[in-house]
Structure formats: C-alpha cells, structure tokens
Amino acid sequence: MIQRIQTVFLLIATILMVFVVFMPVAHIIGTADGTIYELGFKGLIGNSDSAPEFGSMPMSILIGLCLGLCVATIFLFKKRMLQIRLSVVNIVLLLGLMGLMYYYVRSAQSMVDGATSYSIIFMFPLAAAILVFLALRAIARDEALVRSLDRLR
C-alpha cells in the first residue's frame, strides 16, 4: 500500500487537509477597533467580546468531506477504478472548497470592515487538489498496466 507513489501523494494531501482543519485560513483586522479576527474551520473568531456571529458550517462540512475522501481513497488501493472515481470527485470538491473559502473570507471582511491577510493555509486545498490529480494519474497508469498484462495471458 505505502510503496505506491499515489499513496504518498494522497497521504500528503490528507496532511494538508488536516492543517486546514486546525489552522486559520485568514486574519482580518478590524479598522474600527483594531480587533484581530481569525477565519478558520469553526468560523470567524475574534479576540474581543464584540465578535460578530459568523459560522462556517458549509465550509466545515466540505473540509471534512474532502479529508474523508482522501483517507478513503488511500485504503481502497485494491479497487483502482473506485479510487479513480473518488479522486475525480475529491478534486472537484477541493476546487469548490477553494471558492467557498474565498467567498467566506470576502464575506467576513465586508462584515468586519477590515483588512484581510491570507494565511498560507488558504492555498493548501489547491495543493491537495494537485496532489490528488497526480495520484489519479499514477492510479490510471497502474490500471493500464494491469489491463495490458491481462491481455497477454
């Protein structure tokens, strides 16, 4: 299982998605009072009592779904066609997550009326999508090799 390059790609993508869960995506500095807000997995969190209510339940669900698909794809190494399908779905979800994170950052910025500073964590879903794509190519290569060997018998 671990000796395949696609497993390494998927494992790195899983680690990147775990970082998205535990680290803030962006920091927003309020212009009115100078309060620093962090937008992450749990929503907008400020260091004062007057922090606005801003939940991010759809973003949390999508992050959990992408993380679960990465882990499931790693353990389905004997079913290559299912791995390919799950990888395609995961790439689409990761790119959708990037768009949703951008939307939430812009919405939180307009709500707080402040300046936004993106974290490097913001780019991790894009990097995970690239890694899942590389894993998809390696899985397809393995499947083509197995099919060509079946033809020779």
N, C-alpha and C. Protein backbone atom coordinates (compact mmCIF):
# COMPACT_ATOMS: atom_id res chain seq x y z
N MET A 1 0.83 -1.19 0.00
CA MET A 1 0.00 0.00 0.00
C MET A 1 0.87 1.25 0.00
N ILE A 2 1.80 1.38 0.93
CA ILE A 2 2.58 2.61 1.03
C ILE A 2 3.69 2.67 -0.02
N GLN A 3 3.98 1.53 -0.66
CA GLN A 3 5.07 1.54 -1.63
C GLN A 3 4.67 2.19 -2.94
N ARG A 4 3.42 2.48 -3.15
CA ARG A 4 2.96 3.13 -4.37
C ARG A 4 3.06 4.65 -4.22
N ILE A 5 3.41 5.31 -5.31
CA ILE A 5 3.59 6.76 -5.27
C ILE A 5 2.25 7.47 -5.05
N GLN A 6 1.15 6.86 -5.55
CA GLN A 6 -0.15 7.51 -5.37
C GLN A 6 -0.55 7.54 -3.89
N THR A 7 -0.12 6.57 -3.13
CA THR A 7 -0.41 6.57 -1.70
C THR A 7 0.33 7.71 -1.01
N VAL A 8 1.54 7.95 -1.43
CA VAL A 8 2.32 9.06 -0.86
C VAL A 8 1.65 10.39 -1.20
N PHE A 9 1.22 10.55 -2.46
CA PHE A 9 0.53 11.78 -2.86
C PHE A 9 -0.74 11.99 -2.05
N LEU A 10 -1.52 10.93 -1.89
CA LEU A 10 -2.77 11.04 -1.15
C LEU A 10 -2.52 11.28 0.34
N LEU A 11 -1.46 10.71 0.88
CA LEU A 11 -1.12 10.93 2.28
C LEU A 11 -0.71 12.38 2.52
N ILE A 12 0.06 12.95 1.61
CA ILE A 12 0.45 14.36 1.74
C ILE A 12 -0.77 15.26 1.61
N ALA A 13 -1.69 14.92 0.69
CA ALA A 13 -2.93 15.70 0.55
C ALA A 13 -3.77 15.62 1.83
N THR A 14 -3.79 14.46 2.46
CA THR A 14 -4.52 14.30 3.72
C THR A 14 -3.90 15.16 4.82
N ILE A 15 -2.58 15.19 4.88
CA ILE A 15 -1.90 16.00 5.89
C ILE A 15 -2.19 17.48 5.66
N LEU A 16 -2.20 17.92 4.40
CA LEU A 16 -2.52 19.31 4.10
C LEU A 16 -3.94 19.65 4.54
N MET A 17 -4.88 18.73 4.34
CA MET A 17 -6.26 19.00 4.75
C MET A 17 -6.41 19.00 6.27
N VAL A 18 -5.59 18.23 6.96
CA VAL A 18 -5.61 18.29 8.43
C VAL A 18 -5.14 19.66 8.91
N PHE A 19 -4.14 20.23 8.22
CA PHE A 19 -3.70 21.58 8.56
C PHE A 19 -4.81 22.59 8.34
N VAL A 20 -5.64 22.40 7.31
CA VAL A 20 -6.75 23.31 7.05
C VAL A 20 -7.75 23.26 8.21
N VAL A 21 -7.90 22.09 8.82
CA VAL A 21 -8.83 21.96 9.93
C VAL A 21 -8.33 22.73 11.16
N PHE A 22 -7.05 22.65 11.45
CA PHE A 22 -6.55 23.18 12.71
C PHE A 22 -5.96 24.59 12.65
N MET A 23 -5.73 25.13 11.47
CA MET A 23 -5.10 26.44 11.35
C MET A 23 -6.08 27.44 10.73
N PRO A 24 -5.94 28.73 11.05
CA PRO A 24 -6.83 29.73 10.44
C PRO A 24 -6.48 29.97 8.97
N VAL A 25 -7.50 30.23 8.19
CA VAL A 25 -7.35 30.46 6.75
C VAL A 25 -6.92 31.89 6.48
N ALA A 26 -7.49 32.82 7.24
CA ALA A 26 -7.19 34.24 7.02
C ALA A 26 -7.31 35.00 8.34
N HIS A 27 -6.62 36.12 8.40
CA HIS A 27 -6.71 37.03 9.54
C HIS A 27 -7.32 38.32 9.02
N ILE A 28 -8.30 38.84 9.75
CA ILE A 28 -8.97 40.08 9.37
C ILE A 28 -8.79 41.06 10.51
N ILE A 29 -8.22 42.22 10.21
CA ILE A 29 -8.00 43.25 11.21
C ILE A 29 -9.09 44.30 11.05
N GLY A 30 -9.91 44.44 12.06
CA GLY A 30 -11.00 45.42 12.02
C GLY A 30 -10.46 46.84 12.04
N THR A 31 -10.98 47.69 11.17
CA THR A 31 -10.50 49.07 11.10
C THR A 31 -11.07 49.93 12.21
N ALA A 32 -12.24 49.58 12.73
CA ALA A 32 -12.87 50.41 13.76
C ALA A 32 -12.17 50.30 15.11
N ASP A 33 -11.89 49.10 15.55
CA ASP A 33 -11.32 48.91 16.88
C ASP A 33 -9.97 48.19 16.88
N GLY A 34 -9.47 47.78 15.74
CA GLY A 34 -8.18 47.10 15.68
C GLY A 34 -8.21 45.66 16.15
N THR A 35 -9.40 45.09 16.29
CA THR A 35 -9.53 43.70 16.72
C THR A 35 -9.07 42.77 15.60
N ILE A 36 -8.35 41.74 15.99
CA ILE A 36 -7.88 40.76 15.02
C ILE A 36 -8.81 39.55 15.06
N TYR A 37 -9.38 39.24 13.91
CA TYR A 37 -10.27 38.09 13.77
C TYR A 37 -9.57 37.02 12.96
N GLU A 38 -9.87 35.77 13.28
CA GLU A 38 -9.32 34.64 12.54
C GLU A 38 -10.48 33.86 11.93
N LEU A 39 -10.39 33.59 10.64
CA LEU A 39 -11.39 32.78 9.97
C LEU A 39 -10.79 31.40 9.76
N GLY A 40 -11.47 30.41 10.30
CA GLY A 40 -10.98 29.05 10.19
C GLY A 40 -12.11 28.06 10.07
N PHE A 41 -11.83 26.85 10.46
CA PHE A 41 -12.76 25.73 10.38
C PHE A 41 -14.04 26.00 11.17
N LYS A 42 -13.92 26.70 12.29
CA LYS A 42 -15.06 26.95 13.17
C LYS A 42 -15.79 28.24 12.86
N GLY A 43 -15.27 29.04 11.96
CA GLY A 43 -15.92 30.31 11.62
C GLY A 43 -15.02 31.47 11.98
N LEU A 44 -15.63 32.63 12.18
CA LEU A 44 -14.90 33.85 12.50
C LEU A 44 -14.75 33.96 14.01
N ILE A 45 -13.51 34.00 14.46
CA ILE A 45 -13.23 34.07 15.90
C ILE A 45 -12.43 35.33 16.16
N GLY A 46 -12.91 36.15 17.09
CA GLY A 46 -12.21 37.38 17.44
C GLY A 46 -11.66 37.32 18.85
N ASN A 47 -10.79 38.28 19.16
CA ASN A 47 -10.21 38.30 20.50
C ASN A 47 -10.93 39.27 21.42
N SER A 48 -12.14 39.66 21.05
CA SER A 48 -12.93 40.53 21.92
C SER A 48 -14.33 39.95 22.09
N ASP A 49 -15.08 40.55 23.00
CA ASP A 49 -16.44 40.07 23.26
C ASP A 49 -17.42 40.51 22.18
N SER A 50 -17.05 41.51 21.39
CA SER A 50 -17.95 42.05 20.38
C SER A 50 -17.75 41.39 19.02
N ALA A 51 -17.25 40.17 19.00
CA ALA A 51 -17.02 39.47 17.73
C ALA A 51 -18.36 39.12 17.08
N PRO A 52 -18.53 39.42 15.81
CA PRO A 52 -19.80 39.11 15.14
C PRO A 52 -19.98 37.61 14.97
N GLU A 53 -21.23 37.20 14.93
CA GLU A 53 -21.55 35.79 14.71
C GLU A 53 -21.37 35.48 13.23
N PHE A 54 -20.48 34.59 12.92
CA PHE A 54 -20.22 34.22 11.53
C PHE A 54 -19.82 32.77 11.51
N GLY A 55 -20.77 31.90 11.26
CA GLY A 55 -20.50 30.48 11.22
C GLY A 55 -20.06 30.04 9.83
N SER A 56 -19.38 28.93 9.79
CA SER A 56 -18.91 28.41 8.50
C SER A 56 -19.22 26.93 8.39
N MET A 57 -20.45 26.57 8.66
CA MET A 57 -20.84 25.17 8.64
C MET A 57 -20.65 24.52 7.26
N PRO A 58 -21.06 25.15 6.15
CA PRO A 58 -20.81 24.51 4.85
C PRO A 58 -19.33 24.29 4.56
N MET A 59 -18.50 25.25 4.96
CA MET A 59 -17.06 25.10 4.76
C MET A 59 -16.52 23.96 5.62
N SER A 60 -17.01 23.84 6.84
CA SER A 60 -16.58 22.76 7.73
C SER A 60 -16.97 21.40 7.19
N ILE A 61 -18.19 21.30 6.66
CA ILE A 61 -18.65 20.04 6.10
C ILE A 61 -17.83 19.67 4.87
N LEU A 62 -17.55 20.65 4.03
CA LEU A 62 -16.78 20.38 2.81
C LEU A 62 -15.34 19.98 3.14
N ILE A 63 -14.74 20.61 4.14
CA ILE A 63 -13.39 20.22 4.55
C ILE A 63 -13.39 18.79 5.08
N GLY A 64 -14.36 18.46 5.90
CA GLY A 64 -14.46 17.10 6.43
C GLY A 64 -14.70 16.07 5.34
N LEU A 65 -15.51 16.43 4.35
CA LEU A 65 -15.78 15.52 3.24
C LEU A 65 -14.53 15.29 2.39
N CYS A 66 -13.79 16.36 2.12
CA CYS A 66 -12.55 16.22 1.34
C CYS A 66 -11.51 15.39 2.10
N LEU A 67 -11.42 15.63 3.39
CA LEU A 67 -10.49 14.87 4.22
C LEU A 67 -10.88 13.39 4.26
N GLY A 68 -12.16 13.12 4.41
CA GLY A 68 -12.64 11.73 4.43
C GLY A 68 -12.41 11.02 3.10
N LEU A 69 -12.59 11.75 1.99
CA LEU A 69 -12.35 11.15 0.68
C LEU A 69 -10.88 10.84 0.47
N CYS A 70 -10.00 11.70 0.96
CA CYS A 70 -8.55 11.42 0.85
C CYS A 70 -8.20 10.15 1.61
N VAL A 71 -8.70 10.02 2.81
CA VAL A 71 -8.39 8.83 3.63
C VAL A 71 -9.01 7.58 3.01
N ALA A 72 -10.26 7.68 2.55
CA ALA A 72 -10.92 6.52 1.94
C ALA A 72 -10.21 6.08 0.67
N THR A 73 -9.72 7.03 -0.11
CA THR A 73 -9.03 6.68 -1.35
C THR A 73 -7.72 5.96 -1.07
N ILE A 74 -7.06 6.32 0.02
CA ILE A 74 -5.82 5.62 0.38
C ILE A 74 -6.10 4.15 0.67
N PHE A 75 -7.17 3.86 1.40
CA PHE A 75 -7.42 2.49 1.82
C PHE A 75 -8.16 1.65 0.79
N LEU A 76 -8.53 2.22 -0.34
CA LEU A 76 -9.17 1.45 -1.41
C LEU A 76 -8.16 1.09 -2.50
N PHE A 77 -6.95 0.73 -2.10
CA PHE A 77 -5.88 0.50 -3.07
C PHE A 77 -6.11 -0.72 -3.94
N LYS A 78 -6.98 -1.64 -3.55
CA LYS A 78 -7.24 -2.82 -4.37
C LYS A 78 -8.32 -2.56 -5.42
N LYS A 79 -9.07 -1.49 -5.26
CA LYS A 79 -10.15 -1.15 -6.19
C LYS A 79 -9.76 0.13 -6.92
N ARG A 80 -8.96 -0.03 -7.96
CA ARG A 80 -8.38 1.12 -8.66
C ARG A 80 -9.42 1.97 -9.37
N MET A 81 -10.43 1.38 -9.96
CA MET A 81 -11.44 2.17 -10.67
C MET A 81 -12.25 3.03 -9.68
N LEU A 82 -12.54 2.48 -8.51
CA LEU A 82 -13.23 3.27 -7.49
C LEU A 82 -12.32 4.38 -6.97
N GLN A 83 -11.04 4.09 -6.86
CA GLN A 83 -10.07 5.11 -6.47
C GLN A 83 -10.05 6.25 -7.47
N ILE A 84 -10.11 5.93 -8.75
CA ILE A 84 -10.10 6.96 -9.79
C ILE A 84 -11.35 7.82 -9.67
N ARG A 85 -12.50 7.20 -9.51
CA ARG A 85 -13.75 7.97 -9.39
C ARG A 85 -13.75 8.86 -8.16
N LEU A 86 -13.31 8.33 -7.02
CA LEU A 86 -13.27 9.13 -5.80
C LEU A 86 -12.26 10.26 -5.91
N SER A 87 -11.18 10.03 -6.64
CA SER A 87 -10.19 11.09 -6.83
C SER A 87 -10.74 12.23 -7.66
N VAL A 88 -11.51 11.90 -8.69
CA VAL A 88 -12.12 12.95 -9.51
C VAL A 88 -13.12 13.76 -8.69
N VAL A 89 -13.94 13.08 -7.90
CA VAL A 89 -14.89 13.78 -7.03
C VAL A 89 -14.14 14.65 -6.02
N ASN A 90 -13.05 14.14 -5.48
CA ASN A 90 -12.27 14.88 -4.49
C ASN A 90 -11.65 16.13 -5.11
N ILE A 91 -11.17 16.04 -6.34
CA ILE A 91 -10.59 17.22 -7.00
C ILE A 91 -11.65 18.29 -7.17
N VAL A 92 -12.84 17.90 -7.61
CA VAL A 92 -13.92 18.87 -7.79
C VAL A 92 -14.30 19.51 -6.46
N LEU A 93 -14.40 18.70 -5.40
CA LEU A 93 -14.73 19.23 -4.08
C LEU A 93 -13.64 20.15 -3.54
N LEU A 94 -12.38 19.81 -3.77
CA LEU A 94 -11.29 20.67 -3.30
C LEU A 94 -11.28 22.01 -4.01
N LEU A 95 -11.55 22.01 -5.30
CA LEU A 95 -11.62 23.28 -6.03
C LEU A 95 -12.84 24.10 -5.59
N GLY A 96 -13.95 23.40 -5.31
CA GLY A 96 -15.12 24.09 -4.75
C GLY A 96 -14.84 24.66 -3.37
N LEU A 97 -14.05 23.94 -2.59
CA LEU A 97 -13.66 24.42 -1.27
C LEU A 97 -12.83 25.70 -1.37
N MET A 98 -11.96 25.75 -2.37
CA MET A 98 -11.17 26.98 -2.57
C MET A 98 -12.09 28.18 -2.83
N GLY A 99 -13.07 27.98 -3.69
CA GLY A 99 -14.01 29.06 -3.99
C GLY A 99 -14.85 29.43 -2.78
N LEU A 100 -15.28 28.44 -2.02
CA LEU A 100 -16.08 28.70 -0.83
C LEU A 100 -15.26 29.42 0.24
N MET A 101 -14.01 29.04 0.40
CA MET A 101 -13.15 29.73 1.37
C MET A 101 -12.95 31.19 0.96
N TYR A 102 -12.75 31.44 -0.33
CA TYR A 102 -12.61 32.81 -0.80
C TYR A 102 -13.88 33.61 -0.53
N TYR A 103 -15.03 32.99 -0.77
CA TYR A 103 -16.30 33.67 -0.51
C TYR A 103 -16.45 34.01 0.98
N TYR A 104 -16.11 33.07 1.85
CA TYR A 104 -16.23 33.32 3.28
C TYR A 104 -15.26 34.40 3.76
N VAL A 105 -14.06 34.42 3.22
CA VAL A 105 -13.11 35.46 3.60
C VAL A 105 -13.63 36.83 3.17
N ARG A 106 -14.14 36.93 1.95
CA ARG A 106 -14.69 38.20 1.47
C ARG A 106 -15.92 38.62 2.26
N SER A 107 -16.78 37.67 2.60
CA SER A 107 -17.97 37.99 3.39
C SER A 107 -17.59 38.45 4.79
N ALA A 108 -16.63 37.79 5.40
CA ALA A 108 -16.19 38.18 6.74
C ALA A 108 -15.50 39.54 6.70
N GLN A 109 -14.76 39.79 5.64
CA GLN A 109 -14.08 41.08 5.52
C GLN A 109 -15.10 42.21 5.40
N SER A 110 -16.15 42.02 4.63
CA SER A 110 -17.16 43.06 4.50
C SER A 110 -17.98 43.20 5.78
N MET A 111 -18.16 42.12 6.53
CA MET A 111 -18.91 42.19 7.79
C MET A 111 -18.12 42.95 8.85
N VAL A 112 -16.83 42.69 8.92
CA VAL A 112 -15.99 43.33 9.94
C VAL A 112 -15.52 44.70 9.46
N ASP A 113 -15.49 44.89 8.16
CA ASP A 113 -14.99 46.12 7.54
C ASP A 113 -13.53 46.34 7.94
N GLY A 114 -12.70 45.41 7.47
CA GLY A 114 -11.29 45.47 7.83
C GLY A 114 -10.39 44.99 6.71
N ALA A 115 -9.12 44.95 7.01
CA ALA A 115 -8.11 44.50 6.05
C ALA A 115 -7.87 43.00 6.24
N THR A 116 -7.69 42.31 5.12
CA THR A 116 -7.53 40.86 5.15
C THR A 116 -6.09 40.47 4.89
N SER A 117 -5.62 39.51 5.66
CA SER A 117 -4.31 38.92 5.46
C SER A 117 -4.51 37.42 5.32
N TYR A 118 -4.26 36.89 4.11
CA TYR A 118 -4.44 35.46 3.88
C TYR A 118 -3.28 34.68 4.47
N SER A 119 -3.59 33.52 5.01
CA SER A 119 -2.58 32.61 5.52
C SER A 119 -2.15 31.67 4.40
N ILE A 120 -1.01 31.03 4.55
CA ILE A 120 -0.56 30.05 3.57
C ILE A 120 -1.50 28.85 3.54
N ILE A 121 -2.24 28.66 4.62
CA ILE A 121 -3.20 27.57 4.72
C ILE A 121 -4.29 27.72 3.66
N PHE A 122 -4.55 28.94 3.22
CA PHE A 122 -5.57 29.20 2.20
C PHE A 122 -5.26 28.45 0.90
N MET A 123 -3.99 28.23 0.60
CA MET A 123 -3.60 27.57 -0.64
C MET A 123 -3.49 26.05 -0.52
N PHE A 124 -3.63 25.51 0.68
CA PHE A 124 -3.49 24.07 0.88
C PHE A 124 -4.53 23.24 0.12
N PRO A 125 -5.81 23.64 0.02
CA PRO A 125 -6.73 22.83 -0.79
C PRO A 125 -6.32 22.77 -2.27
N LEU A 126 -5.76 23.85 -2.80
CA LEU A 126 -5.29 23.82 -4.18
C LEU A 126 -4.10 22.86 -4.32
N ALA A 127 -3.18 22.90 -3.37
CA ALA A 127 -2.06 21.98 -3.39
C ALA A 127 -2.54 20.53 -3.23
N ALA A 128 -3.55 20.32 -2.38
CA ALA A 128 -4.11 18.98 -2.21
C ALA A 128 -4.78 18.51 -3.50
N ALA A 129 -5.45 19.42 -4.22
CA ALA A 129 -6.08 19.05 -5.49
C ALA A 129 -5.03 18.64 -6.52
N ILE A 130 -3.91 19.35 -6.54
CA ILE A 130 -2.83 18.99 -7.46
C ILE A 130 -2.26 17.62 -7.10
N LEU A 131 -2.07 17.37 -5.81
CA LEU A 131 -1.55 16.07 -5.38
C LEU A 131 -2.52 14.93 -5.67
N VAL A 132 -3.81 15.19 -5.50
CA VAL A 132 -4.81 14.16 -5.82
C VAL A 132 -4.82 13.90 -7.33
N PHE A 133 -4.62 14.95 -8.13
CA PHE A 133 -4.54 14.76 -9.58
C PHE A 133 -3.33 13.92 -9.95
N LEU A 134 -2.19 14.18 -9.31
CA LEU A 134 -1.00 13.36 -9.58
C LEU A 134 -1.23 11.90 -9.15
N ALA A 135 -1.93 11.71 -8.04
CA ALA A 135 -2.26 10.35 -7.61
C ALA A 135 -3.21 9.69 -8.60
N LEU A 136 -4.14 10.46 -9.13
CA LEU A 136 -5.08 9.94 -10.12
C LEU A 136 -4.35 9.45 -11.36
N ARG A 137 -3.37 10.19 -11.80
CA ARG A 137 -2.57 9.78 -12.97
C ARG A 137 -1.80 8.49 -12.68
N ALA A 138 -1.25 8.38 -11.49
CA ALA A 138 -0.49 7.17 -11.12
C ALA A 138 -1.43 5.96 -11.00
N ILE A 139 -2.62 6.17 -10.47
CA ILE A 139 -3.59 5.08 -10.36
C ILE A 139 -4.02 4.62 -11.75
N ALA A 140 -4.26 5.57 -12.65
CA ALA A 140 -4.65 5.22 -14.01
C ALA A 140 -3.52 4.47 -14.73
N ARG A 141 -2.29 4.87 -14.46
CA ARG A 141 -1.14 4.17 -15.04
C ARG A 141 -1.08 2.72 -14.54
N ASP A 142 -1.30 2.51 -13.25
CA ASP A 142 -1.32 1.15 -12.70
C ASP A 142 -2.45 0.32 -13.31
N GLU A 143 -3.61 0.93 -13.46
CA GLU A 143 -4.75 0.22 -14.04
C GLU A 143 -4.46 -0.17 -15.49
N ALA A 144 -3.85 0.74 -16.25
CA ALA A 144 -3.49 0.41 -17.64
C ALA A 144 -2.46 -0.71 -17.69
N LEU A 145 -1.53 -0.73 -16.76
CA LEU A 145 -0.53 -1.80 -16.71
C LEU A 145 -1.18 -3.15 -16.41
N VAL A 146 -2.09 -3.17 -15.46
CA VAL A 146 -2.78 -4.42 -15.10
C VAL A 146 -3.61 -4.92 -16.28
N ARG A 147 -4.30 -4.02 -16.96
CA ARG A 147 -5.11 -4.43 -18.12
C ARG A 147 -4.25 -4.94 -19.26
N SER A 148 -3.09 -4.33 -19.47
CA SER A 148 -2.23 -4.81 -20.55
C SER A 148 -1.64 -6.19 -20.22
N LEU A 149 -1.39 -6.45 -18.96
CA LEU A 149 -0.89 -7.78 -18.57
C LEU A 149 -1.97 -8.83 -18.68
N ASP A 150 -3.23 -8.45 -18.46
CA ASP A 150 -4.33 -9.39 -18.61
C ASP A 150 -4.52 -9.78 -20.07
N ARG A 151 -4.22 -8.89 -20.98
CA ARG A 151 -4.36 -9.17 -22.40
C ARG A 151 -3.31 -10.17 -22.89
N LEU A 152 -2.16 -10.17 -22.25
CA LEU A 152 -1.08 -11.06 -22.68
C LEU A 152 -1.32 -12.51 -22.31
N ARG A 153 -2.12 -12.75 -21.29
CA ARG A 153 -2.35 -14.12 -20.83
C ARG A 153 -3.16 -14.89 -21.78
